[in-house]
């Protein structure tokens, strides 16, 4: 075999090795990108869950605060109402 042919085969082998190495790097980068995307999705999901939990806690506290000071209307307006004859529906003038 001539020196030129041996050199070409050697260069071809290097080219194949370089090509294979490039593909390995590309595959590794794709895998890293996929892992990063999955991790980002998981972080987003956890963040949304925590935000929802905080909102529910705030809603519960507000509800508790609003209802703990609640006074029924029946206790706000006490009346000493005594029915009279004018309260008879037939005798009431509604102004129609």
Protein backbone atom coordinates (compact mmCIF):
# COMPACT_ATOMS: atom_id res chain seq x y z
CA UNK A 1 0.00 0.00 0.00
CA UNK A 2 1.31 3.45 -0.87
CA UNK A 3 2.05 6.14 1.57
CA UNK A 4 -0.67 8.41 0.15
CA UNK A 5 -3.35 5.73 0.47
CA UNK A 6 -2.26 4.96 4.02
CA UNK A 7 -2.40 8.67 4.84
CA UNK A 8 -5.91 8.98 3.32
CA UNK A 9 -7.16 5.99 5.32
CA UNK A 10 -5.62 7.43 8.46
CA UNK A 11 -7.30 10.80 7.83
CA UNK A 12 -10.59 9.07 7.05
CA UNK A 13 -10.36 7.23 10.36
CA UNK A 14 -9.73 10.51 12.17
CA UNK A 15 -12.68 12.08 10.38
CA UNK A 16 -14.89 9.17 11.46
CA UNK A 17 -13.61 9.47 15.02
CA UNK A 18 -14.30 13.22 15.01
CA UNK A 19 -17.79 12.64 13.59
CA UNK A 20 -18.56 10.04 16.26
CA UNK A 21 -17.24 12.34 18.99
CA UNK A 22 -19.39 15.20 17.71
CA UNK A 23 -22.46 12.97 17.81
CA UNK A 24 -21.64 11.92 21.37
CA UNK A 25 -21.38 15.56 22.40
CA UNK A 26 -24.66 16.40 20.67
CA UNK A 27 -26.40 13.45 22.34
CA UNK A 28 -25.03 14.50 25.74
CA UNK A 29 -26.20 18.08 25.22
CA UNK A 30 -29.67 16.89 24.21
CA UNK A 31 -29.87 14.74 27.33
CA UNK A 32 -28.80 17.67 29.51
CA UNK A 33 -31.38 19.92 27.84
CA UNK A 34 -34.13 17.33 28.46
CA UNK A 35 -33.10 16.95 32.10
CA UNK A 36 -33.05 20.72 32.57
CA UNK A 37 -36.49 21.04 30.99
CA UNK A 38 -37.90 18.32 33.26
CA UNK A 39 -36.32 19.95 36.31
CA UNK A 40 -37.72 23.35 35.31
CA UNK A 41 -41.20 21.84 34.90
CA UNK A 42 -40.93 20.21 38.33
CA UNK A 43 -39.80 23.49 39.92
CA UNK A 44 -42.69 25.32 38.26
CA UNK A 45 -45.16 22.70 39.48
CA UNK A 46 -43.83 22.93 43.05
CA UNK A 47 -43.96 26.72 42.90
CA UNK A 48 -47.57 26.67 41.67
CA UNK A 49 -48.54 24.19 44.40
CA UNK A 50 -46.93 26.38 47.07
CA UNK A 51 -48.60 29.52 45.70
CA UNK A 52 -51.95 27.71 45.74
CA UNK A 53 -51.36 26.54 49.31
CA UNK A 54 -50.46 30.07 50.44
CA UNK A 55 -53.56 31.47 48.73
CA UNK A 56 -55.76 28.86 50.43
CA UNK A 57 -54.20 29.69 53.81
CA UNK A 58 -54.82 33.39 53.24
CA UNK A 59 -58.41 32.70 52.19
CA UNK A 60 -58.94 30.60 55.31
CA UNK A 61 -57.49 33.33 57.55
CA UNK A 62 -59.64 35.99 55.89
CA UNK A 63 -62.73 33.82 56.21
CA UNK A 64 -61.97 33.17 59.87
CA UNK A 65 -61.36 36.85 60.54
CA UNK A 66 -64.53 37.89 58.70
CA UNK A 67 -66.74 35.34 60.43
CA UNK A 68 -65.26 35.67 63.92
CA UNK A 69 -66.50 39.25 64.15
CA UNK A 70 -69.85 38.36 62.68
CA UNK A 71 -72.85 39.51 64.68
CA UNK A 72 -76.18 38.15 63.49
CA UNK A 73 -78.60 40.78 62.27
CA UNK A 74 -81.12 39.61 64.84
CA UNK A 75 -78.77 40.80 67.59
CA UNK A 76 -77.98 44.12 65.95
CA UNK A 77 -81.57 45.26 65.71
CA UNK A 78 -83.54 44.49 68.81
CA UNK A 79 -87.05 45.68 68.80
CA UNK A 80 -89.76 46.24 71.30
CA UNK A 81 -92.37 45.76 68.61
CA UNK A 82 -95.90 45.62 69.86
CA UNK A 83 -98.59 44.90 67.29
CA UNK A 84 -101.34 47.47 67.07
CA UNK A 85 -104.65 47.56 65.31
CA UNK A 86 -103.07 49.52 62.43
CA UNK A 87 -100.92 46.48 61.71
CA UNK A 88 -103.93 44.62 60.42
CA UNK A 89 -103.29 44.28 56.68
CA UNK A 90 -106.79 45.28 55.71
CA UNK A 91 -106.45 48.64 57.46
CA UNK A 92 -102.99 49.60 56.14
CA UNK A 93 -102.84 52.33 53.48
CA UNK A 94 -99.94 51.54 51.17
CA UNK A 95 -100.40 54.70 49.13
CA UNK A 96 -101.37 53.01 45.88
